[in-house]
Amino acid sequence: MATKTVTADEARKNLSDLLSTATYANGRIEIQRRGKTAGFIIGPNDMALLEVLEDRYDAEEARAAMAEIERGEDEVILWEEAKKELNSTEETAEK
């Protein structure tokens, strides 16, 4: 699937058409400002796929972190302990 590239000014002037392209033609639009990529317009199908990929990545990261803990390479800090430590750090910084 080809990505259409437009300037920010073109995107502003043609937003409705670009949204239709992304939504109904599954097009992807790259928006550039001063020759550099500023963002993209993607349709709902691409967004759904992106969210699935992010969820999968997050799950893999969580499994890797749990494996590190099980191997003794990392430790678990209880939330209450972390809050106390953060609060004491903030109090020290305020003084």
C-alpha atoms as a PDB file:
ATOM      1  CA  MET A   1       0.000   0.000   0.000  1.00  0.00           C
ATOM      2  CA  ALA A   2       1.451   3.340  -1.051  1.00  0.00           C
ATOM      3  CA  THR A   3       1.598   6.245   1.338  1.00  0.00           C
ATOM      4  CA  LYS A   4       0.556   9.623  -0.040  1.00  0.00           C
ATOM      5  CA  THR A   5       2.674  12.549   1.126  1.00  0.00           C
ATOM      6  CA  VAL A   6       1.194  16.016   1.552  1.00  0.00           C
ATOM      7  CA  THR A   7       2.311  19.254   3.168  1.00  0.00           C
ATOM      8  CA  ALA A   8       0.649  20.513   6.318  1.00  0.00           C
ATOM      9  CA  ASP A   9      -1.008  23.268   4.292  1.00  0.00           C
ATOM     10  CA  GLU A  10      -2.400  20.737   1.806  1.00  0.00           C
ATOM     11  CA  ALA A  11      -3.639  18.581   4.684  1.00  0.00           C
ATOM     12  CA  ARG A  12      -5.413  21.550   6.241  1.00  0.00           C
ATOM     13  CA  LYS A  13      -7.094  22.455   2.952  1.00  0.00           C
ATOM     14  CA  ASN A  14      -8.051  18.857   2.049  1.00  0.00           C
ATOM     15  CA  LEU A  15      -8.659  17.258   5.432  1.00  0.00           C
ATOM     16  CA  SER A  16     -12.077  15.875   4.529  1.00  0.00           C
ATOM     17  CA  ASP A  17     -10.773  14.195   1.374  1.00  0.00           C
ATOM     18  CA  LEU A  18      -7.725  12.825   3.174  1.00  0.00           C
ATOM     19  CA  LEU A  19      -9.898  11.371   5.930  1.00  0.00           C
ATOM     20  CA  SER A  20     -12.081   9.719   3.304  1.00  0.00           C
ATOM     21  CA  THR A  21      -9.002   8.246   1.624  1.00  0.00           C
ATOM     22  CA  ALA A  22      -7.764   6.851   4.946  1.00  0.00           C
ATOM     23  CA  THR A  23     -11.175   5.561   6.001  1.00  0.00           C
ATOM     24  CA  TYR A  24     -12.673   4.136   2.841  1.00  0.00           C
ATOM     25  CA  ALA A  25      -9.649   3.381   0.641  1.00  0.00           C
ATOM     26  CA  ASN A  26      -7.393   2.248   3.524  1.00  0.00           C
ATOM     27  CA  GLY A  27      -4.919   4.883   2.401  1.00  0.00           C
ATOM     28  CA  ARG A  28      -2.137   6.258   4.531  1.00  0.00           C
ATOM     29  CA  ILE A  29      -1.234   9.911   4.387  1.00  0.00           C
ATOM     30  CA  GLU A  30       2.085  11.314   5.568  1.00  0.00           C
ATOM     31  CA  ILE A  31       1.953  14.964   6.552  1.00  0.00           C
ATOM     32  CA  GLN A  32       5.158  16.938   6.223  1.00  0.00           C
ATOM     33  CA  ARG A  33       6.077  20.305   7.632  1.00  0.00           C
ATOM     34  CA  ARG A  34       9.173  22.015   6.222  1.00  0.00           C
ATOM     35  CA  GLY A  35      10.160  18.785   4.471  1.00  0.00           C
ATOM     36  CA  LYS A  36      10.069  16.665   7.636  1.00  0.00           C
ATOM     37  CA  THR A  37       7.453  14.145   8.668  1.00  0.00           C
ATOM     38  CA  ALA A  38       5.060  15.716  11.179  1.00  0.00           C
ATOM     39  CA  GLY A  39       2.471  12.944  11.394  1.00  0.00           C
ATOM     40  CA  PHE A  40       0.184  10.543   9.608  1.00  0.00           C
ATOM     41  CA  ILE A  41      -3.483  10.105   8.907  1.00  0.00           C
ATOM     42  CA  ILE A  42      -4.502   6.463   9.021  1.00  0.00           C
ATOM     43  CA  GLY A  43      -7.870   4.778   8.858  1.00  0.00           C
ATOM     44  CA  PRO A  44      -9.663   2.736  11.514  1.00  0.00           C
ATOM     45  CA  ASN A  45      -8.385  -0.589  10.136  1.00  0.00           C
ATOM     46  CA  ASP A  46      -4.763   0.515  10.411  1.00  0.00           C
ATOM     47  CA  MET A  47      -5.416   1.900  13.888  1.00  0.00           C
ATOM     48  CA  ALA A  48      -6.962  -1.375  15.034  1.00  0.00           C
ATOM     49  CA  LEU A  49      -3.947  -3.271  13.698  1.00  0.00           C
ATOM     50  CA  LEU A  50      -1.574  -0.873  15.448  1.00  0.00           C
ATOM     51  CA  GLU A  51      -3.389  -1.408  18.750  1.00  0.00           C
ATOM     52  CA  VAL A  52      -3.194  -5.212  18.369  1.00  0.00           C
ATOM     53  CA  LEU A  53       0.543  -4.959  17.684  1.00  0.00           C
ATOM     54  CA  GLU A  54       1.056  -2.668  20.693  1.00  0.00           C
ATOM     55  CA  ASP A  55      -0.869  -5.064  22.949  1.00  0.00           C
ATOM     56  CA  ARG A  56       1.223  -7.988  21.704  1.00  0.00           C
ATOM     57  CA  TYR A  57       4.442  -6.044  22.292  1.00  0.00           C
ATOM     58  CA  ASP A  58       3.332  -5.057  25.806  1.00  0.00           C
ATOM     59  CA  ALA A  59       2.499  -8.686  26.628  1.00  0.00           C
ATOM     60  CA  GLU A  60       5.933  -9.835  25.406  1.00  0.00           C
ATOM     61  CA  GLU A  61       7.625  -7.153  27.507  1.00  0.00           C
ATOM     62  CA  ALA A  62       5.631  -8.220  30.577  1.00  0.00           C
ATOM     63  CA  ARG A  63       6.580 -11.887  30.042  1.00  0.00           C
ATOM     64  CA  ALA A  64      10.243 -10.903  29.714  1.00  0.00           C
ATOM     65  CA  ALA A  65      10.090  -8.862  32.923  1.00  0.00           C
ATOM     66  CA  MET A  66       8.443 -11.729  34.814  1.00  0.00           C
ATOM     67  CA  ALA A  67      11.133 -14.128  33.524  1.00  0.00           C
ATOM     68  CA  GLU A  68      13.842 -11.760  34.839  1.00  0.00           C
ATOM     69  CA  ILE A  69      12.190 -11.760  38.255  1.00  0.00           C
ATOM     70  CA  GLU A  70      11.892 -15.558  38.253  1.00  0.00           C
ATOM     71  CA  ARG A  71      15.597 -15.885  37.363  1.00  0.00           C
ATOM     72  CA  GLY A  72      16.502 -13.492  40.191  1.00  0.00           C
ATOM     73  CA  GLU A  73      17.793 -10.831  37.799  1.00  0.00           C
ATOM     74  CA  ASP A  74      15.301  -8.258  39.029  1.00  0.00           C
ATOM     75  CA  GLU A  75      13.211  -7.698  42.115  1.00  0.00           C
ATOM     76  CA  VAL A  76       9.607  -6.882  42.928  1.00  0.00           C
ATOM     77  CA  ILE A  77       8.979  -3.735  44.945  1.00  0.00           C
ATOM     78  CA  LEU A  78       5.582  -3.525  46.571  1.00  0.00           C
ATOM     79  CA  TRP A  79       3.516  -0.469  45.648  1.00  0.00           C
ATOM     80  CA  GLU A  80       3.270   0.691  49.262  1.00  0.00           C
ATOM     81  CA  GLU A  81       7.069   0.608  49.601  1.00  0.00           C
ATOM     82  CA  ALA A  82       7.519   2.499  46.351  1.00  0.00           C
ATOM     83  CA  LYS A  83       5.023   5.189  47.465  1.00  0.00           C
ATOM     84  CA  LYS A  84       6.827   5.635  50.785  1.00  0.00           C
ATOM     85  CA  GLU A  85      10.168   5.949  49.026  1.00  0.00           C
ATOM     86  CA  LEU A  86       8.789   8.438  46.523  1.00  0.00           C
ATOM     87  CA  ASN A  87       7.154  10.498  49.270  1.00  0.00           C
ATOM     88  CA  SER A  88      10.361  10.623  51.305  1.00  0.00           C
ATOM     89  CA  THR A  89      12.297  11.650  48.183  1.00  0.00           C
ATOM     90  CA  GLU A  90       9.812  14.452  47.484  1.00  0.00           C
ATOM     91  CA  GLU A  91       9.940  15.660  51.102  1.00  0.00           C
ATOM     92  CA  THR A  92      13.727  15.744  51.001  1.00  0.00           C
ATOM     93  CA  ALA A  93      13.669  17.675  47.708  1.00  0.00           C
ATOM     94  CA  GLU A  94      11.241  20.247  49.142  1.00  0.00           C
ATOM     95  CA  LYS A  95      13.567  21.081  52.035  1.00  0.00           C
END
